[in-house]
């Protein structure tokens, strides 16, 4: 976004064990489809369903932004 940078952590972490999909691979997928998908998502509400321990473990819904969220990231509130 306009030359902004994100700090990504734990990239080798396996998120989908049965397929061996890592956090890095998932990020690369999102990066690949971003130009097509973002125009359809712009202006829509987003809820983050986090799976901090992989898809086999219990998720939680995040309805707030972490304090370390970059200020340049768009938000409605």
PDB file of N, CA and C in Angstrom:
ATOM      1  N   UNK A   1       0.842  -1.190   0.000  1.00  0.00           N
ATOM      2  CA  UNK A   1       0.000   0.000   0.000  1.00  0.00           C
ATOM      3  C   UNK A   1       0.877   1.240   0.000  1.00  0.00           C
ATOM      4  N   UNK A   2       0.944   1.908  -1.082  1.00  0.00           N
ATOM      5  CA  UNK A   2       1.677   3.172  -1.176  1.00  0.00           C
ATOM      6  C   UNK A   2       3.074   3.093  -0.590  1.00  0.00           C
ATOM      7  N   UNK A   3       3.770   1.981  -0.823  1.00  0.00           N
ATOM      8  CA  UNK A   3       5.124   1.841  -0.328  1.00  0.00           C
ATOM      9  C   UNK A   3       5.242   1.494   1.144  1.00  0.00           C
ATOM     10  N   UNK A   4       4.125   1.256   1.817  1.00  0.00           N
ATOM     11  CA  UNK A   4       4.169   0.889   3.226  1.00  0.00           C
ATOM     12  C   UNK A   4       4.680  -0.542   3.368  1.00  0.00           C
ATOM     13  N   UNK A   5       5.250  -0.855   4.514  1.00  0.00           N
ATOM     14  CA  UNK A   5       5.781  -2.189   4.765  1.00  0.00           C
ATOM     15  C   UNK A   5       5.063  -2.839   5.938  1.00  0.00           C
ATOM     16  N   UNK A   6       4.947  -4.143   5.859  1.00  0.00           N
ATOM     17  CA  UNK A   6       4.400  -4.934   6.954  1.00  0.00           C
ATOM     18  C   UNK A   6       5.510  -5.807   7.512  1.00  0.00           C
ATOM     19  N   UNK A   7       5.498  -6.014   8.794  1.00  0.00           N
ATOM     20  CA  UNK A   7       6.428  -6.939   9.418  1.00  0.00           C
ATOM     21  C   UNK A   7       5.683  -8.250   9.631  1.00  0.00           C
ATOM     22  N   UNK A   8       6.153  -9.301   8.998  1.00  0.00           N
ATOM     23  CA  UNK A   8       5.526 -10.610   9.115  1.00  0.00           C
ATOM     24  C   UNK A   8       6.384 -11.498  10.006  1.00  0.00           C
ATOM     25  N   UNK A   9       5.731 -12.276  10.851  1.00  0.00           N
ATOM     26  CA  UNK A   9       6.476 -13.136  11.772  1.00  0.00           C
ATOM     27  C   UNK A   9       6.042 -14.591  11.606  1.00  0.00           C
ATOM     28  N   UNK A  10       6.868 -15.485  12.055  1.00  0.00           N
ATOM     29  CA  UNK A  10       6.575 -16.927  12.094  1.00  0.00           C
ATOM     30  C   UNK A  10       6.177 -17.489  10.731  1.00  0.00           C
ATOM     31  N   UNK A  11       6.858 -17.059   9.677  1.00  0.00           N
ATOM     32  CA  UNK A  11       6.508 -17.483   8.321  1.00  0.00           C
ATOM     33  C   UNK A  11       6.598 -18.990   8.078  1.00  0.00           C
ATOM     34  N   UNK A  12       7.493 -19.729   8.730  1.00  0.00           N
ATOM     35  CA  UNK A  12       7.536 -21.182   8.497  1.00  0.00           C
ATOM     36  C   UNK A  12       6.427 -21.959   9.224  1.00  0.00           C
ATOM     37  N   UNK A  13       5.636 -21.280  10.064  1.00  0.00           N
ATOM     38  CA  UNK A  13       4.599 -21.944  10.843  1.00  0.00           C
ATOM     39  C   UNK A  13       3.598 -22.641   9.919  1.00  0.00           C
ATOM     40  N   UNK A  14       3.351 -23.921  10.164  1.00  0.00           N
ATOM     41  CA  UNK A  14       2.409 -24.692   9.362  1.00  0.00           C
ATOM     42  C   UNK A  14       0.995 -24.402   9.867  1.00  0.00           C
ATOM     43  N   UNK A  15       0.135 -23.901   8.964  1.00  0.00           N
ATOM     44  CA  UNK A  15      -1.234 -23.562   9.329  1.00  0.00           C
ATOM     45  C   UNK A  15      -2.227 -24.660   8.948  1.00  0.00           C
ATOM     46  N   UNK A  16      -1.936 -25.380   7.876  1.00  0.00           N
ATOM     47  CA  UNK A  16      -2.813 -26.469   7.423  1.00  0.00           C
ATOM     48  C   UNK A  16      -1.953 -27.736   7.376  1.00  0.00           C
ATOM     49  N   UNK A  17      -1.908 -28.485   8.490  1.00  0.00           N
ATOM     50  CA  UNK A  17      -0.989 -29.619   8.594  1.00  0.00           C
ATOM     51  C   UNK A  17      -1.171 -30.693   7.514  1.00  0.00           C
ATOM     52  N   UNK A  18      -2.397 -31.037   7.176  1.00  0.00           N
ATOM     53  CA  UNK A  18      -2.607 -32.113   6.211  1.00  0.00           C
ATOM     54  C   UNK A  18      -2.087 -31.775   4.816  1.00  0.00           C
ATOM     55  N   UNK A  19      -1.957 -30.485   4.518  1.00  0.00           N
ATOM     56  CA  UNK A  19      -1.432 -30.055   3.224  1.00  0.00           C
ATOM     57  C   UNK A  19      -0.043 -29.425   3.339  1.00  0.00           C
ATOM     58  N   UNK A  20       0.417 -29.204   4.568  1.00  0.00           N
ATOM     59  CA  UNK A  20       1.737 -28.609   4.785  1.00  0.00           C
ATOM     60  C   UNK A  20       1.810 -27.133   4.412  1.00  0.00           C
ATOM     61  N   UNK A  21       0.663 -26.446   4.383  1.00  0.00           N
ATOM     62  CA  UNK A  21       0.631 -25.030   3.989  1.00  0.00           C
ATOM     63  C   UNK A  21       1.132 -24.164   5.144  1.00  0.00           C
ATOM     64  N   UNK A  22       2.126 -23.341   4.838  1.00  0.00           N
ATOM     65  CA  UNK A  22       2.716 -22.480   5.852  1.00  0.00           C
ATOM     66  C   UNK A  22       2.107 -21.079   5.797  1.00  0.00           C
ATOM     67  N   UNK A  23       2.411 -20.330   6.823  1.00  0.00           N
ATOM     68  CA  UNK A  23       1.972 -18.934   6.883  1.00  0.00           C
ATOM     69  C   UNK A  23       2.537 -18.153   5.698  1.00  0.00           C
ATOM     70  N   UNK A  24       3.780 -18.419   5.332  1.00  0.00           N
ATOM     71  CA  UNK A  24       4.406 -17.741   4.190  1.00  0.00           C
ATOM     72  C   UNK A  24       3.661 -18.063   2.898  1.00  0.00           C
ATOM     73  N   UNK A  25       3.295 -19.326   2.691  1.00  0.00           N
ATOM     74  CA  UNK A  25       2.579 -19.715   1.474  1.00  0.00           C
ATOM     75  C   UNK A  25       1.193 -19.080   1.414  1.00  0.00           C
ATOM     76  N   UNK A  26       0.518 -19.004   2.558  1.00  0.00           N
ATOM     77  CA  UNK A  26      -0.800 -18.366   2.587  1.00  0.00           C
ATOM     78  C   UNK A  26      -0.676 -16.880   2.270  1.00  0.00           C
ATOM     79  N   UNK A  27       0.341 -16.233   2.828  1.00  0.00           N
ATOM     80  CA  UNK A  27       0.561 -14.821   2.540  1.00  0.00           C
ATOM     81  C   UNK A  27       0.828 -14.602   1.049  1.00  0.00           C
ATOM     82  N   UNK A  28       1.660 -15.456   0.454  1.00  0.00           N
ATOM     83  CA  UNK A  28       1.956 -15.336  -0.981  1.00  0.00           C
ATOM     84  C   UNK A  28       0.702 -15.523  -1.827  1.00  0.00           C
ATOM     85  N   UNK A  29      -0.185 -16.415  -1.400  1.00  0.00           N
ATOM     86  CA  UNK A  29      -1.461 -16.601  -2.107  1.00  0.00           C
ATOM     87  C   UNK A  29      -2.274 -15.308  -2.050  1.00  0.00           C
ATOM     88  N   UNK A  30      -2.422 -14.746  -0.848  1.00  0.00           N
ATOM     89  CA  UNK A  30      -3.185 -13.492  -0.721  1.00  0.00           C
ATOM     90  C   UNK A  30      -2.557 -12.380  -1.546  1.00  0.00           C
ATOM     91  N   UNK A  31      -1.252 -12.332  -1.569  1.00  0.00           N
ATOM     92  CA  UNK A  31      -0.556 -11.323  -2.369  1.00  0.00           C
ATOM     93  C   UNK A  31      -0.855 -11.520  -3.857  1.00  0.00           C
ATOM     94  N   UNK A  32      -0.928 -12.767  -4.287  1.00  0.00           N
ATOM     95  CA  UNK A  32      -1.192 -13.091  -5.692  1.00  0.00           C
ATOM     96  C   UNK A  32      -2.596 -12.679  -6.122  1.00  0.00           C
ATOM     97  N   UNK A  33      -3.589 -12.883  -5.264  1.00  0.00           N
ATOM     98  CA  UNK A  33      -4.975 -12.584  -5.629  1.00  0.00           C
ATOM     99  C   UNK A  33      -5.424 -11.183  -5.233  1.00  0.00           C
ATOM    100  N   UNK A  34      -4.550 -10.407  -4.589  1.00  0.00           N
ATOM    101  CA  UNK A  34      -4.929  -9.098  -4.049  1.00  0.00           C
ATOM    102  C   UNK A  34      -5.479  -8.141  -5.105  1.00  0.00           C
ATOM    103  N   UNK A  35      -4.823  -8.025  -6.243  1.00  0.00           N
ATOM    104  CA  UNK A  35      -5.275  -7.063  -7.252  1.00  0.00           C
ATOM    105  C   UNK A  35      -6.683  -7.346  -7.750  1.00  0.00           C
ATOM    106  N   UNK A  36      -7.067  -8.612  -7.767  1.00  0.00           N
ATOM    107  CA  UNK A  36      -8.412  -8.989  -8.216  1.00  0.00           C
ATOM    108  C   UNK A  36      -9.416  -8.899  -7.071  1.00  0.00           C
ATOM    109  N   UNK A  37      -9.034  -9.324  -5.874  1.00  0.00           N
ATOM    110  CA  UNK A  37      -9.998  -9.414  -4.774  1.00  0.00           C
ATOM    111  C   UNK A  37     -10.240  -8.104  -4.032  1.00  0.00           C
ATOM    112  N   UNK A  38      -9.226  -7.272  -3.874  1.00  0.00           N
ATOM    113  CA  UNK A  38      -9.378  -6.052  -3.065  1.00  0.00           C
ATOM    114  C   UNK A  38     -10.473  -5.119  -3.583  1.00  0.00           C
ATOM    115  N   UNK A  39     -10.606  -4.901  -4.888  1.00  0.00           N
ATOM    116  CA  UNK A  39     -11.693  -4.030  -5.342  1.00  0.00           C
ATOM    117  C   UNK A  39     -13.083  -4.520  -4.914  1.00  0.00           C
ATOM    118  N   UNK A  40     -13.248  -5.828  -4.750  1.00  0.00           N
ATOM    119  CA  UNK A  40     -14.534  -6.385  -4.328  1.00  0.00           C
ATOM    120  C   UNK A  40     -14.723  -6.306  -2.817  1.00  0.00           C
ATOM    121  N   UNK A  41     -13.648  -6.141  -2.084  1.00  0.00           N
ATOM    122  CA  UNK A  41     -13.714  -6.073  -0.621  1.00  0.00           C
ATOM    123  C   UNK A  41     -13.733  -4.646  -0.097  1.00  0.00           C
ATOM    124  N   UNK A  42     -13.275  -3.707  -0.900  1.00  0.00           N
ATOM    125  CA  UNK A  42     -13.174  -2.306  -0.473  1.00  0.00           C
ATOM    126  C   UNK A  42     -14.530  -1.793  -0.004  1.00  0.00           C
ATOM    127  N   UNK A  43     -14.544  -1.178   1.166  1.00  0.00           N
ATOM    128  CA  UNK A  43     -15.760  -0.592   1.712  1.00  0.00           C
ATOM    129  C   UNK A  43     -16.645  -1.578   2.449  1.00  0.00           C
ATOM    130  N   UNK A  44     -16.239  -2.821   2.536  1.00  0.00           N
ATOM    131  CA  UNK A  44     -17.032  -3.835   3.243  1.00  0.00           C
ATOM    132  C   UNK A  44     -16.426  -4.091   4.622  1.00  0.00           C
ATOM    133  N   UNK A  45     -17.287  -4.456   5.547  1.00  0.00           N
ATOM    134  CA  UNK A  45     -16.817  -4.807   6.887  1.00  0.00           C
ATOM    135  C   UNK A  45     -16.058  -6.125   6.827  1.00  0.00           C
ATOM    136  N   UNK A  46     -15.034  -6.228   7.663  1.00  0.00           N
ATOM    137  CA  UNK A  46     -14.229  -7.444   7.713  1.00  0.00           C
ATOM    138  C   UNK A  46     -14.118  -7.885   9.167  1.00  0.00           C
ATOM    139  N   UNK A  47     -14.304  -9.161   9.394  1.00  0.00           N
ATOM    140  CA  UNK A  47     -14.091  -9.754  10.703  1.00  0.00           C
ATOM    141  C   UNK A  47     -12.958 -10.748  10.571  1.00  0.00           C
ATOM    142  N   UNK A  48     -12.020 -10.695  11.479  1.00  0.00           N
ATOM    143  CA  UNK A  48     -10.893 -11.608  11.449  1.00  0.00           C
ATOM    144  C   UNK A  48     -11.203 -12.816  12.317  1.00  0.00           C
ATOM    145  N   UNK A  49     -11.193 -13.987  11.704  1.00  0.00           N
ATOM    146  CA  UNK A  49     -11.315 -15.234  12.446  1.00  0.00           C
ATOM    147  C   UNK A  49      -9.911 -15.808  12.520  1.00  0.00           C
ATOM    148  N   UNK A  50      -9.301 -15.702  13.681  1.00  0.00           N
ATOM    149  CA  UNK A  50      -7.898 -16.078  13.856  1.00  0.00           C
ATOM    150  C   UNK A  50      -7.768 -17.531  14.302  1.00  0.00           C
ATOM    151  N   UNK A  51      -6.803 -18.210  13.706  1.00  0.00           N
ATOM    152  CA  UNK A  51      -6.458 -19.572  14.063  1.00  0.00           C
ATOM    153  C   UNK A  51      -4.989 -19.573  14.499  1.00  0.00           C
ATOM    154  N   UNK A  52      -4.700 -19.073  15.700  1.00  0.00           N
ATOM    155  CA  UNK A  52      -3.308 -18.901  16.103  1.00  0.00           C
ATOM    156  C   UNK A  52      -2.518 -20.202  16.196  1.00  0.00           C
ATOM    157  N   UNK A  53      -3.199 -21.319  16.349  1.00  0.00           N
ATOM    158  CA  UNK A  53      -2.513 -22.608  16.464  1.00  0.00           C
ATOM    159  C   UNK A  53      -2.836 -23.547  15.312  1.00  0.00           C
ATOM    160  N   UNK A  54      -3.219 -22.985  14.182  1.00  0.00           N
ATOM    161  CA  UNK A  54      -3.536 -23.791  13.008  1.00  0.00           C
ATOM    162  C   UNK A  54      -5.020 -24.103  12.896  1.00  0.00           C
ATOM    163  N   UNK A  55      -5.419 -24.607  11.736  1.00  0.00           N
ATOM    164  CA  UNK A  55      -6.839 -24.810  11.454  1.00  0.00           C
ATOM    165  C   UNK A  55      -7.467 -25.950  12.245  1.00  0.00           C
ATOM    166  N   UNK A  56      -6.675 -26.806  12.839  1.00  0.00           N
ATOM    167  CA  UNK A  56      -7.197 -27.919  13.640  1.00  0.00           C
ATOM    168  C   UNK A  56      -7.552 -27.497  15.064  1.00  0.00           C
ATOM    169  N   UNK A  57      -7.065 -26.343  15.473  1.00  0.00           N
ATOM    170  CA  UNK A  57      -7.294 -25.869  16.842  1.00  0.00           C
ATOM    171  C   UNK A  57      -8.407 -24.827  16.875  1.00  0.00           C
ATOM    172  N   UNK A  58      -8.849 -24.503  18.059  1.00  0.00           N
ATOM    173  CA  UNK A  58      -9.968 -23.579  18.251  1.00  0.00           C
ATOM    174  C   UNK A  58      -9.610 -22.154  17.805  1.00  0.00           C
ATOM    175  N   UNK A  59     -10.454 -21.557  16.952  1.00  0.00           N
ATOM    176  CA  UNK A  59     -10.215 -20.171  16.521  1.00  0.00           C
ATOM    177  C   UNK A  59     -10.874 -19.176  17.480  1.00  0.00           C
ATOM    178  N   UNK A  60     -10.642 -17.911  17.228  1.00  0.00           N
ATOM    179  CA  UNK A  60     -11.382 -16.859  17.920  1.00  0.00           C
ATOM    180  C   UNK A  60     -11.651 -15.742  16.922  1.00  0.00           C
ATOM    181  N   UNK A  61     -12.694 -14.955  17.192  1.00  0.00           N
ATOM    182  CA  UNK A  61     -13.019 -13.814  16.344  1.00  0.00           C
ATOM    183  C   UNK A  61     -12.397 -12.578  16.951  1.00  0.00           C
ATOM    184  N   UNK A  62     -11.708 -11.824  16.124  1.00  0.00           N
ATOM    185  CA  UNK A  62     -11.072 -10.604  16.598  1.00  0.00           C
ATOM    186  C   UNK A  62     -11.882  -9.424  16.086  1.00  0.00           C
ATOM    187  N   UNK A  63     -12.411  -8.642  17.003  1.00  0.00           N
ATOM    188  CA  UNK A  63     -13.247  -7.508  16.615  1.00  0.00           C
ATOM    189  C   UNK A  63     -12.575  -6.176  16.924  1.00  0.00           C
ATOM    190  N   UNK A  64     -11.278  -6.210  17.178  1.00  0.00           N
ATOM    191  CA  UNK A  64     -10.536  -4.992  17.461  1.00  0.00           C
ATOM    192  C   UNK A  64      -9.196  -5.069  16.738  1.00  0.00           C
ATOM    193  N   UNK A  65      -8.573  -3.940  16.594  1.00  0.00           N
ATOM    194  CA  UNK A  65      -7.234  -3.912  16.003  1.00  0.00           C
ATOM    195  C   UNK A  65      -6.201  -3.893  17.119  1.00  0.00           C
ATOM    196  N   UNK A  66      -5.156  -4.648  16.944  1.00  0.00           N
ATOM    197  CA  UNK A  66      -4.077  -4.663  17.928  1.00  0.00           C
ATOM    198  C   UNK A  66      -3.429  -3.281  17.998  1.00  0.00           C
ATOM    199  N   UNK A  67      -2.890  -2.940  19.142  1.00  0.00           N
ATOM    200  CA  UNK A  67      -2.231  -1.639  19.298  1.00  0.00           C
ATOM    201  C   UNK A  67      -1.085  -1.458  18.321  1.00  0.00           C
ATOM    202  N   UNK A  68      -0.429  -2.568  17.942  1.00  0.00           N
ATOM    203  CA  UNK A  68       0.699  -2.470  17.021  1.00  0.00           C
ATOM    204  C   UNK A  68       0.270  -2.416  15.554  1.00  0.00           C
ATOM    205  N   UNK A  69      -1.042  -2.364  15.288  1.00  0.00           N
ATOM    206  CA  UNK A  69      -1.524  -2.241  13.917  1.00  0.00           C
ATOM    207  C   UNK A  69      -1.059  -0.908  13.345  1.00  0.00           C
ATOM    208  N   UNK A  70      -0.462  -0.917  12.152  1.00  0.00           N
ATOM    209  CA  UNK A  70       0.024   0.344  11.576  1.00  0.00           C
ATOM    210  C   UNK A  70      -1.101   1.373  11.436  1.00  0.00           C
ATOM    211  N   UNK A  71      -0.786   2.619  11.749  1.00  0.00           N
ATOM    212  CA  UNK A  71      -1.786   3.692  11.681  1.00  0.00           C
ATOM    213  C   UNK A  71      -2.271   3.931  10.255  1.00  0.00           C
ATOM    214  N   UNK A  72      -1.447   3.606   9.244  1.00  0.00           N
ATOM    215  CA  UNK A  72      -1.816   3.842   7.845  1.00  0.00           C
ATOM    216  C   UNK A  72      -2.841   2.823   7.346  1.00  0.00           C
ATOM    217  N   UNK A  73      -3.079   1.749   8.106  1.00  0.00           N
ATOM    218  CA  UNK A  73      -4.053   0.756   7.671  1.00  0.00           C
ATOM    219  C   UNK A  73      -5.449   1.335   7.810  1.00  0.00           C
ATOM    220  N   UNK A  74      -6.214   1.321   6.739  1.00  0.00           N
ATOM    221  CA  UNK A  74      -7.542   1.930   6.751  1.00  0.00           C
ATOM    222  C   UNK A  74      -8.506   1.266   7.719  1.00  0.00           C
ATOM    223  N   UNK A  75      -9.366   2.072   8.311  1.00  0.00           N
ATOM    224  CA  UNK A  75     -10.394   1.584   9.229  1.00  0.00           C
ATOM    225  C   UNK A  75     -11.527   2.598   9.278  1.00  0.00           C
ATOM    226  N   UNK A  76     -12.704   2.152   9.648  1.00  0.00           N
ATOM    227  CA  UNK A  76     -13.877   3.026   9.689  1.00  0.00           C
ATOM    228  C   UNK A  76     -14.001   3.808  10.980  1.00  0.00           C
ATOM    229  N   UNK A  77     -13.552   3.231  12.080  1.00  0.00           N
ATOM    230  CA  UNK A  77     -13.801   3.886  13.367  1.00  0.00           C
ATOM    231  C   UNK A  77     -12.709   4.816  13.782  1.00  0.00           C
TER     232      UNK A  77
END
